[in-house]
Amino acid sequence: MITALALAVIGRVQAGFPVGSYRPDVSKAPVKSRGALDAYFGRSLLRVQSDGRFFLCGRRQQGYWRQVGEQTVCVYDGFFMISSSQPTEDLKKKWPKSNLEGLVLRRGPNGTLILNDWGRVMGPVIFRPMPKRTIPELIVTSHSEGDSILKAEEEAFYALRDRMEAEWPQVLSFINDPKQSAAMRTWAAIMLDVKDPKGIEAMAQLIFDLKPTNVKNRDQSIRRSLAWRIADNPTEKSADLLIEATRKGLLTPTNVAPALAKLGPKADIPLLISWLTTTRQRDNEAALEALTVLGGDEALSQARTLASSPEEGVQLAANGLIARFSKDAAERKAAIAKVARWLYSSNFVVGCNAVRALGASKSPDALPFLAAVLLSDASGIVRRDAATALGDLGDPRAVPALIEAKLRESGDGKNLFEEAQVWRAAAEALLKLSRSKGSG
């Protein structure tokens, strides 16, 4: 199990540390310490973001701040992470002081950052700033052709992600450059994580203006990737453009429904309902999933009709909607039991969808099904989502199952990462329930 670590940061993070990406260098550490430091930090990448957050080893983990004199200390489980947010009072009280606190990250000469200590092993570890590269260079370098990611690819990946928000016009220009390969243009679209409304709407417009690639049918892959990224933070204008793209055959309802689901009351529910009558199964599933999030009497009526569909994805989404919005207690209970049949599907995506549908139902009838799958041999991802769903239900009867899941040990070292996710989700659910009235 990964040892709990801690960092102390001198001064205010926002004013004290430069934004950028840094490579580790342990050559200045004592000879006896270099092996351990290199093993831990050798392939890591320290990233400092403009909002004050620090990432190391590509991991962002949860923690809390505590003031110790003039220093600000961050304590957490897992790899390093420094956040500019302040701790909640309950975490301060519930989490004991760590005896590993005291690691100091400070500014050094020539733009370096220096980590003085690492547990009982003396440093320093020096993080040297990476050279700034152009957006096209980062896109090309960060693209991995195989399963393994080389260090250079990893560094470029995070550097690109950190600069994406401010430099999205350059990324869009790369995507729309027919001289670039189809694979690289698609990769750039996948990476395009933008929250600026102007950038999101420019992405939607590019779906219409996209210059053809050098590979047949690859244009659609780029358009689908753009629609997928727009769905993270859609605006009304970008959603209208996506809908227009479906009318022109540039996208399918499957590509557009996730964005509509994020719009809430502003979503076009009648349009989503009309997509339930299409002949493509994936369009039906996507529309129903969006309607499950949005609700509405019209959607509920359609869900009842489709609850007996021969396609399991449609059945699951339809029953999930009924479980959430029906005013008939017996109907809701029956729908929950039907959704629960998919919890143990060999397809973990189906299992996750079933877990989320039960959690969204907010019904006490869902609790025994979620508790059972949490303590089962289902995949770690499904059990993690079950723990989260139990916390969302807010029912104190879930506490015993969550405690058992938190204390459970993995007999298979290969699944340690998944088990760690389950443990963390169970701990967060217990914390959420501890705030609920009558949780004990």
Protein backbone atom coordinates (compact mmCIF):
# COMPACT_ATOMS: atom_id res chain seq x y z
CA MET A 1 0.00 0.00 0.00
CA ILE A 2 1.37 3.38 -0.94
CA THR A 3 2.79 5.18 2.09
CA ALA A 4 1.13 8.41 3.12
CA LEU A 5 3.33 11.33 2.13
CA ALA A 6 3.37 15.03 2.94
CA LEU A 7 4.67 18.29 1.49
CA ALA A 8 5.30 21.62 3.19
CA VAL A 9 5.26 24.62 0.91
CA ILE A 10 6.91 27.87 1.94
CA GLY A 11 4.75 30.93 1.39
CA ARG A 12 1.69 31.24 -0.79
CA VAL A 13 1.59 28.77 -3.69
CA GLN A 14 0.02 31.11 -6.18
CA ALA A 15 2.71 33.78 -5.77
CA GLY A 16 5.68 31.56 -4.97
CA PHE A 17 6.01 28.95 -7.71
CA PRO A 18 6.31 29.25 -11.48
CA VAL A 19 3.89 27.51 -13.80
CA GLY A 20 5.42 24.81 -15.97
CA SER A 21 6.68 21.23 -16.22
CA TYR A 22 9.84 19.94 -14.56
CA ARG A 23 12.13 16.91 -14.91
CA PRO A 24 13.59 15.30 -11.75
CA ASP A 25 17.34 15.16 -11.11
CA VAL A 26 18.66 13.28 -8.07
CA SER A 27 22.36 13.74 -8.88
CA LYS A 28 22.82 16.18 -5.99
CA ALA A 29 21.47 13.75 -3.40
CA PRO A 30 23.87 11.69 -1.23
CA VAL A 31 25.16 8.60 -3.05
CA LYS A 32 23.42 6.22 -0.63
CA SER A 33 20.07 7.89 -1.30
CA ARG A 34 20.18 8.17 -5.08
CA GLY A 35 18.94 4.66 -5.84
CA ALA A 36 15.79 5.05 -3.75
CA LEU A 37 15.13 8.58 -4.98
CA ASP A 38 15.67 7.63 -8.61
CA ALA A 39 13.37 4.62 -8.27
CA TYR A 40 10.60 6.85 -6.92
CA PHE A 41 11.09 10.01 -8.94
CA GLY A 42 13.02 8.82 -11.98
CA ARG A 43 10.06 8.67 -14.40
CA SER A 44 7.96 11.28 -12.61
CA LEU A 45 7.02 14.68 -13.92
CA LEU A 46 6.35 17.65 -11.64
CA ARG A 47 3.73 20.01 -13.05
CA VAL A 48 2.76 23.38 -11.58
CA GLN A 49 -0.55 24.75 -12.85
CA SER A 50 -1.71 28.34 -13.00
CA ASP A 51 -4.41 27.68 -10.37
CA GLY A 52 -1.75 26.69 -7.82
CA ARG A 53 -2.17 22.92 -8.06
CA PHE A 54 0.85 20.65 -8.16
CA PHE A 55 0.93 17.22 -9.79
CA LEU A 56 3.68 14.63 -9.43
CA CYS A 57 3.86 11.20 -11.08
CA GLY A 58 0.78 12.14 -13.10
CA ARG A 59 -1.50 11.66 -10.11
CA ARG A 60 -3.88 14.03 -8.44
CA GLN A 61 -4.88 12.81 -4.98
CA GLN A 62 -7.10 14.21 -2.27
CA GLY A 63 -5.78 15.77 0.89
CA TYR A 64 -6.09 18.79 3.14
CA TRP A 65 -4.11 21.83 4.23
CA ARG A 66 -2.89 22.74 7.70
CA GLN A 67 -0.96 25.84 8.71
CA VAL A 68 2.20 25.12 10.74
CA GLY A 69 3.77 28.43 11.63
CA GLU A 70 4.59 30.13 8.34
CA GLN A 71 4.39 26.90 6.38
CA THR A 72 1.38 25.36 4.66
CA VAL A 73 1.33 21.55 4.93
CA CYS A 74 -0.58 19.14 2.70
CA VAL A 75 -1.32 15.62 4.00
CA TYR A 76 -2.89 12.93 1.82
CA ASP A 77 -2.79 9.28 0.67
CA GLY A 78 -0.93 8.39 -2.48
CA PHE A 79 1.42 10.45 -4.61
CA PHE A 80 2.19 14.13 -4.19
CA MET A 81 -0.38 16.78 -4.86
CA ILE A 82 -0.57 20.38 -3.65
CA SER A 83 -3.81 22.27 -4.10
CA SER A 84 -4.49 25.92 -3.48
CA SER A 85 -7.84 25.13 -1.82
CA GLN A 86 -8.24 25.18 1.95
CA PRO A 87 -9.12 22.09 4.03
CA THR A 88 -12.56 21.44 5.40
CA GLU A 89 -12.82 21.54 9.16
CA ASP A 90 -14.11 17.96 9.49
CA LEU A 91 -11.06 16.58 7.64
CA LYS A 92 -8.74 18.56 9.88
CA LYS A 93 -10.36 17.02 12.94
CA LYS A 94 -10.76 13.45 11.69
CA TRP A 95 -7.33 12.91 10.09
CA PRO A 96 -4.43 12.47 12.56
CA LYS A 97 -1.24 14.45 12.15
CA SER A 98 1.21 12.53 9.95
CA ASN A 99 4.74 11.93 11.28
CA LEU A 100 5.97 12.19 7.68
CA GLU A 101 5.13 15.85 7.39
CA GLY A 102 8.04 18.16 6.73
CA LEU A 103 8.95 17.83 3.07
CA VAL A 104 9.88 21.26 1.75
CA LEU A 105 9.56 22.25 -1.90
CA ARG A 106 11.33 25.54 -2.55
CA ARG A 107 12.57 27.65 -5.43
CA GLY A 108 16.18 27.20 -6.43
CA PRO A 109 18.53 28.93 -8.89
CA ASN A 110 18.03 28.92 -12.65
CA GLY A 111 14.28 28.26 -12.39
CA THR A 112 14.64 24.93 -10.54
CA LEU A 113 12.39 23.61 -7.77
CA ILE A 114 14.09 21.66 -4.97
CA LEU A 115 12.55 18.97 -2.77
CA ASN A 116 14.69 18.83 0.36
CA ASP A 117 13.58 15.58 1.98
CA TRP A 118 11.80 12.35 1.11
CA GLY A 119 10.71 10.38 4.19
CA ARG A 120 13.87 9.47 6.10
CA VAL A 121 15.99 9.63 2.95
CA MET A 122 17.75 12.94 2.53
CA GLY A 123 17.55 14.74 -0.81
CA PRO A 124 17.68 16.98 -2.49
CA VAL A 125 15.71 16.15 -5.60
CA ILE A 126 16.04 18.99 -8.10
CA PHE A 127 13.31 19.52 -10.66
CA ARG A 128 14.66 21.27 -13.75
CA PRO A 129 12.25 23.16 -16.03
CA MET A 130 11.51 21.51 -19.35
CA PRO A 131 12.12 23.55 -22.52
CA LYS A 132 8.99 25.17 -23.90
CA ARG A 133 7.83 23.62 -27.15
CA THR A 134 5.22 24.60 -29.71
CA ILE A 135 1.73 23.15 -29.58
CA PRO A 136 2.27 21.09 -32.77
CA GLU A 137 5.50 19.66 -31.29
CA LEU A 138 3.69 18.67 -28.10
CA ILE A 139 0.79 17.07 -29.99
CA VAL A 140 3.12 14.95 -32.14
CA THR A 141 5.43 13.99 -29.26
CA SER A 142 2.59 13.11 -26.86
CA HIS A 143 0.93 10.67 -29.28
CA SER A 144 1.70 7.06 -28.36
CA GLU A 145 1.46 4.37 -31.04
CA GLY A 146 1.67 1.44 -28.62
CA ASP A 147 0.49 0.40 -25.18
CA SER A 148 3.54 1.70 -23.35
CA ILE A 149 4.15 5.42 -22.98
CA LEU A 150 7.74 6.61 -23.18
CA LYS A 151 8.97 9.28 -20.80
CA ALA A 152 9.15 11.91 -23.56
CA GLU A 153 5.55 11.15 -24.54
CA GLU A 154 4.38 11.42 -20.94
CA GLU A 155 6.12 14.75 -20.45
CA ALA A 156 4.65 16.15 -23.67
CA PHE A 157 1.20 14.83 -22.75
CA TYR A 158 1.07 16.73 -19.46
CA ALA A 159 2.72 19.84 -20.85
CA LEU A 160 0.11 19.91 -23.63
CA ARG A 161 -2.73 19.41 -21.20
CA ASP A 162 -1.49 22.24 -18.98
CA ARG A 163 -1.33 24.69 -21.90
CA MET A 164 -4.53 23.59 -23.62
CA GLU A 165 -6.89 26.07 -21.98
CA ALA A 166 -4.87 29.15 -22.90
CA GLU A 167 -3.73 28.00 -26.35
CA TRP A 168 -6.80 26.25 -27.76
CA PRO A 169 -6.77 28.32 -31.02
CA GLN A 170 -3.42 26.72 -31.94
CA VAL A 171 -4.83 23.26 -31.29
CA LEU A 172 -7.86 23.96 -33.48
CA SER A 173 -5.53 25.21 -36.20
CA PHE A 174 -3.58 21.93 -35.99
CA ILE A 175 -6.79 19.87 -36.17
CA ASN A 176 -7.87 21.72 -39.29
CA ASP A 177 -4.52 21.38 -41.05
CA PRO A 178 -4.86 18.81 -43.89
CA LYS A 179 -1.07 18.54 -44.04
CA GLN A 180 -1.09 16.78 -40.67
CA SER A 181 -1.78 13.06 -40.53
CA ALA A 182 -5.31 11.86 -39.78
CA ALA A 183 -4.09 10.10 -36.63
CA MET A 184 -2.46 13.25 -35.26
CA ARG A 185 -5.49 15.40 -36.04
CA THR A 186 -7.76 12.95 -34.25
CA TRP A 187 -5.37 12.79 -31.28
CA ALA A 188 -5.38 16.60 -31.01
CA ALA A 189 -9.19 16.57 -30.99
CA ILE A 190 -9.22 13.97 -28.21
CA MET A 191 -6.81 16.06 -26.15
CA LEU A 192 -8.73 19.34 -26.62
CA ASP A 193 -9.97 20.05 -23.07
CA VAL A 194 -11.39 23.60 -23.08
CA LYS A 195 -13.74 25.43 -20.68
CA ASP A 196 -13.76 28.84 -22.39
CA PRO A 197 -17.22 29.26 -24.03
CA LYS A 198 -15.61 30.88 -27.07
CA GLY A 199 -13.31 27.90 -27.46
CA ILE A 200 -16.17 25.41 -27.05
CA GLU A 201 -18.24 27.18 -29.70
CA ALA A 202 -15.22 27.35 -32.01
CA MET A 203 -14.87 23.57 -31.63
CA ALA A 204 -18.52 23.13 -32.63
CA GLN A 205 -18.09 25.37 -35.66
CA LEU A 206 -15.03 23.37 -36.73
CA ILE A 207 -17.29 20.32 -37.15
CA PHE A 208 -18.76 22.13 -40.16
CA ASP A 209 -15.56 23.75 -41.41
CA LEU A 210 -13.26 20.72 -41.07
CA LYS A 211 -10.91 20.28 -44.02
CA PRO A 212 -10.76 16.65 -45.22
CA THR A 213 -8.10 14.28 -43.93
CA ASN A 214 -5.87 12.01 -45.98
CA VAL A 215 -7.69 8.89 -44.77
CA LYS A 216 -11.16 7.82 -45.87
CA ASN A 217 -13.85 8.21 -43.18
CA ARG A 218 -11.37 9.66 -40.66
CA ASP A 219 -13.14 13.03 -40.79
CA GLN A 220 -16.02 11.50 -38.82
CA SER A 221 -13.63 10.32 -36.13
CA ILE A 222 -12.38 13.88 -35.66
CA ARG A 223 -15.93 15.27 -35.56
CA ARG A 224 -16.98 12.64 -33.00
CA SER A 225 -13.97 13.48 -30.84
CA LEU A 226 -14.80 17.18 -30.96
CA ALA A 227 -18.43 16.48 -29.98
CA TRP A 228 -17.22 14.30 -27.11
CA ARG A 229 -15.01 17.11 -25.77
CA ILE A 230 -17.77 19.72 -26.21
CA ALA A 231 -20.01 17.53 -24.01
CA ASP A 232 -17.72 18.23 -21.04
CA ASN A 233 -18.73 21.93 -20.93
CA PRO A 234 -21.44 22.62 -23.54
CA THR A 235 -22.98 26.02 -24.17
CA GLU A 236 -26.43 26.55 -25.68
CA LYS A 237 -24.88 27.79 -28.92
CA SER A 238 -22.52 24.82 -29.19
CA ALA A 239 -25.43 22.43 -28.52
CA ASP A 240 -27.45 24.09 -31.29
CA LEU A 241 -24.51 23.62 -33.65
CA LEU A 242 -24.22 19.94 -32.70
CA ILE A 243 -27.93 19.42 -33.35
CA GLU A 244 -27.57 21.10 -36.74
CA ALA A 245 -24.63 18.79 -37.47
CA THR A 246 -26.89 15.76 -36.91
CA ARG A 247 -29.42 17.18 -39.37
CA LYS A 248 -26.67 17.48 -41.97
CA GLY A 249 -25.38 13.98 -41.32
CA LEU A 250 -22.06 15.14 -39.86
CA LEU A 251 -22.84 13.61 -36.44
CA THR A 252 -25.28 11.06 -35.03
CA PRO A 253 -27.55 11.44 -31.97
CA THR A 254 -25.07 9.22 -30.11
CA ASN A 255 -22.45 11.95 -30.50
CA VAL A 256 -24.75 14.79 -29.44
CA ALA A 257 -26.95 13.41 -26.62
CA PRO A 258 -24.20 13.64 -23.91
CA ALA A 259 -23.87 17.39 -24.53
CA LEU A 260 -27.64 17.89 -24.28
CA ALA A 261 -27.69 15.98 -20.98
CA LYS A 262 -25.29 18.55 -19.49
CA LEU A 263 -27.55 21.49 -20.39
CA GLY A 264 -30.18 20.60 -17.78
CA PRO A 265 -33.45 22.55 -18.12
CA LYS A 266 -32.16 24.18 -21.32
CA ALA A 267 -31.88 20.83 -23.11
CA ASP A 268 -34.14 19.96 -26.03
CA ILE A 269 -36.12 17.10 -24.43
CA PRO A 270 -38.59 16.71 -27.34
CA LEU A 271 -35.63 16.21 -29.68
CA LEU A 272 -34.14 13.55 -27.39
CA ILE A 273 -37.49 11.78 -27.27
CA SER A 274 -37.67 11.79 -31.06
CA TRP A 275 -34.27 10.05 -31.13
CA LEU A 276 -35.77 7.16 -29.15
CA THR A 277 -37.60 6.10 -32.31
CA THR A 278 -34.46 5.84 -34.47
CA THR A 279 -33.39 2.45 -35.74
CA ARG A 280 -29.82 2.67 -34.35
CA GLN A 281 -29.50 1.00 -30.94
CA ARG A 282 -26.65 3.27 -29.86
CA ASP A 283 -28.77 6.37 -30.58
CA ASN A 284 -31.58 4.94 -28.46
CA GLU A 285 -29.23 4.22 -25.57
CA ALA A 286 -27.57 7.65 -25.71
CA ALA A 287 -30.90 9.48 -25.85
CA LEU A 288 -32.32 7.46 -22.97
CA GLU A 289 -29.19 8.01 -20.89
CA ALA A 290 -29.53 11.75 -21.42
CA LEU A 291 -33.23 11.63 -20.55
CA THR A 292 -32.45 9.68 -17.39
CA VAL A 293 -30.36 12.62 -16.28
CA LEU A 294 -32.89 15.24 -17.38
CA GLY A 295 -36.17 13.60 -16.43
CA GLY A 296 -39.55 14.81 -17.62
CA ASP A 297 -43.00 13.22 -17.90
CA GLU A 298 -42.73 12.76 -21.66
CA ALA A 299 -39.45 10.91 -21.27
CA LEU A 300 -40.95 8.70 -18.55
CA SER A 301 -43.80 7.71 -20.84
CA GLN A 302 -41.36 6.73 -23.60
CA ALA A 303 -39.23 4.81 -21.09
CA ARG A 304 -42.20 2.66 -20.09
CA THR A 305 -42.71 1.76 -23.72
CA LEU A 306 -39.04 0.85 -24.21
CA ALA A 307 -38.50 -0.96 -20.90
CA SER A 308 -39.19 -4.27 -22.65
CA SER A 309 -36.94 -3.53 -25.64
CA PRO A 310 -34.92 -6.55 -26.84
CA GLU A 311 -31.75 -4.43 -26.56
CA GLU A 312 -30.30 -4.64 -23.04
CA GLY A 313 -28.78 -1.14 -23.18
CA VAL A 314 -32.19 0.36 -23.92
CA GLN A 315 -33.83 -1.77 -21.23
CA LEU A 316 -31.29 -0.69 -18.64
CA ALA A 317 -31.60 3.02 -19.43
CA ALA A 318 -35.41 2.87 -19.58
CA ASN A 319 -35.74 1.08 -16.24
CA GLY A 320 -33.19 3.43 -14.71
CA LEU A 321 -35.34 6.38 -15.74
CA ILE A 322 -38.47 4.75 -14.31
CA ALA A 323 -36.64 3.99 -11.04
CA ARG A 324 -35.69 7.63 -10.74
CA PHE A 325 -38.82 9.50 -11.82
CA SER A 326 -41.89 7.30 -11.43
CA LYS A 327 -44.27 8.44 -8.68
CA ASP A 328 -45.55 4.87 -8.25
CA ALA A 329 -43.56 3.20 -5.46
CA ALA A 330 -44.30 -0.33 -6.71
CA GLU A 331 -43.23 0.60 -10.24
CA ARG A 332 -40.00 2.15 -8.97
CA LYS A 333 -39.21 -0.92 -6.86
CA ALA A 334 -39.79 -3.27 -9.80
CA ALA A 335 -37.58 -1.13 -12.06
CA ILE A 336 -34.77 -1.13 -9.48
CA ALA A 337 -34.88 -4.94 -9.31
CA LYS A 338 -34.65 -5.11 -13.10
CA VAL A 339 -31.69 -2.72 -13.23
CA ALA A 340 -29.92 -4.78 -10.55
CA ARG A 341 -29.78 -7.75 -12.92
CA TRP A 342 -27.05 -5.95 -14.89
CA LEU A 343 -24.80 -5.28 -11.88
CA TYR A 344 -22.82 -8.48 -12.49
CA SER A 345 -22.60 -8.20 -16.26
CA SER A 346 -19.37 -9.51 -17.78
CA ASN A 347 -19.18 -6.12 -19.51
CA PHE A 348 -18.02 -3.77 -16.75
CA VAL A 349 -19.39 -0.74 -18.64
CA VAL A 350 -22.88 -2.23 -18.38
CA GLY A 351 -22.26 -2.95 -14.69
CA CYS A 352 -21.16 0.64 -14.10
CA ASN A 353 -24.25 1.97 -15.88
CA ALA A 354 -26.44 -0.21 -13.67
CA VAL A 355 -24.68 1.04 -10.52
CA ARG A 356 -25.11 4.66 -11.57
CA ALA A 357 -28.78 4.13 -12.41
CA LEU A 358 -29.38 2.67 -8.94
CA GLY A 359 -27.52 5.52 -7.28
CA ALA A 360 -29.47 8.09 -9.29
CA SER A 361 -32.74 6.51 -8.15
CA LYS A 362 -32.13 7.87 -4.61
CA SER A 363 -34.32 5.00 -3.41
CA PRO A 364 -33.71 2.92 -0.25
CA ASP A 365 -34.77 -0.10 -2.32
CA ALA A 366 -31.46 0.21 -4.22
CA LEU A 367 -29.31 -0.08 -1.09
CA PRO A 368 -29.20 -3.90 -0.67
CA PHE A 369 -28.28 -4.37 -4.33
CA LEU A 370 -25.48 -1.81 -4.15
CA ALA A 371 -24.15 -3.17 -0.84
CA ALA A 372 -24.10 -6.70 -2.26
CA VAL A 373 -22.14 -5.74 -5.37
CA LEU A 374 -19.71 -3.66 -3.26
CA LEU A 375 -18.74 -6.79 -1.29
CA SER A 376 -18.81 -9.12 -4.30
CA ASP A 377 -16.05 -10.20 -6.69
CA ALA A 378 -17.22 -7.77 -9.38
CA SER A 379 -14.58 -5.58 -11.05
CA GLY A 380 -12.94 -2.89 -8.93
CA ILE A 381 -14.41 -0.16 -11.11
CA VAL A 382 -17.97 -1.41 -10.55
CA ARG A 383 -17.38 -1.74 -6.79
CA ARG A 384 -15.82 1.73 -6.65
CA ASP A 385 -18.92 3.20 -8.29
CA ALA A 386 -21.12 1.18 -5.92
CA ALA A 387 -19.37 2.73 -2.91
CA THR A 388 -19.87 6.21 -4.37
CA ALA A 389 -23.54 5.46 -5.08
CA LEU A 390 -24.07 4.30 -1.48
CA GLY A 391 -22.67 7.59 -0.25
CA ASP A 392 -24.99 9.47 -2.59
CA LEU A 393 -28.03 7.56 -1.32
CA GLY A 394 -27.43 9.04 2.14
CA ASP A 395 -28.81 5.96 3.94
CA PRO A 396 -26.91 5.10 7.18
CA ARG A 397 -27.72 1.40 6.67
CA ALA A 398 -24.90 1.39 4.12
CA VAL A 399 -22.26 2.03 6.81
CA PRO A 400 -21.47 -1.64 7.68
CA ALA A 401 -20.90 -2.59 4.04
CA LEU A 402 -18.73 0.48 3.46
CA ILE A 403 -16.62 -0.26 6.56
CA GLU A 404 -16.14 -3.86 5.46
CA ALA A 405 -15.11 -2.69 1.98
CA LYS A 406 -12.66 -0.18 3.48
CA LEU A 407 -10.99 -2.88 5.62
CA ARG A 408 -10.99 -5.53 2.94
CA GLU A 409 -7.59 -6.65 1.65
CA SER A 410 -6.83 -7.60 -1.92
CA GLY A 411 -5.47 -11.10 -2.38
CA ASP A 412 -4.23 -10.21 -5.84
CA GLY A 413 -1.40 -7.72 -6.04
CA LYS A 414 -2.23 -7.07 -9.68
CA ASN A 415 -5.51 -5.44 -8.66
CA LEU A 416 -4.01 -3.21 -5.97
CA PHE A 417 -4.69 0.00 -7.88
CA GLU A 418 -8.36 -0.90 -8.42
CA GLU A 419 -8.69 -1.91 -4.75
CA ALA A 420 -7.17 1.41 -3.68
CA GLN A 421 -9.90 3.16 -5.68
CA VAL A 422 -12.55 1.07 -3.89
CA TRP A 423 -11.04 1.88 -0.47
CA ARG A 424 -10.92 5.59 -1.24
CA ALA A 425 -14.51 5.65 -2.56
CA ALA A 426 -15.69 3.78 0.56
CA ALA A 427 -13.87 6.24 2.83
CA GLU A 428 -15.38 9.21 1.00
CA ALA A 429 -18.86 7.65 1.19
CA LEU A 430 -18.45 7.11 4.95
CA LEU A 431 -17.37 10.72 5.37
CA LYS A 432 -20.42 11.87 3.39
CA LEU A 433 -22.73 9.68 5.50
CA SER A 434 -21.14 10.94 8.72
CA ARG A 435 -22.51 14.36 7.86
CA SER A 436 -26.02 12.94 7.42
CA LYS A 437 -28.48 13.16 10.26
CA GLY A 438 -28.89 9.89 12.15
CA SER A 439 -25.85 8.16 10.64
CA GLY A 440 -24.49 7.19 14.08
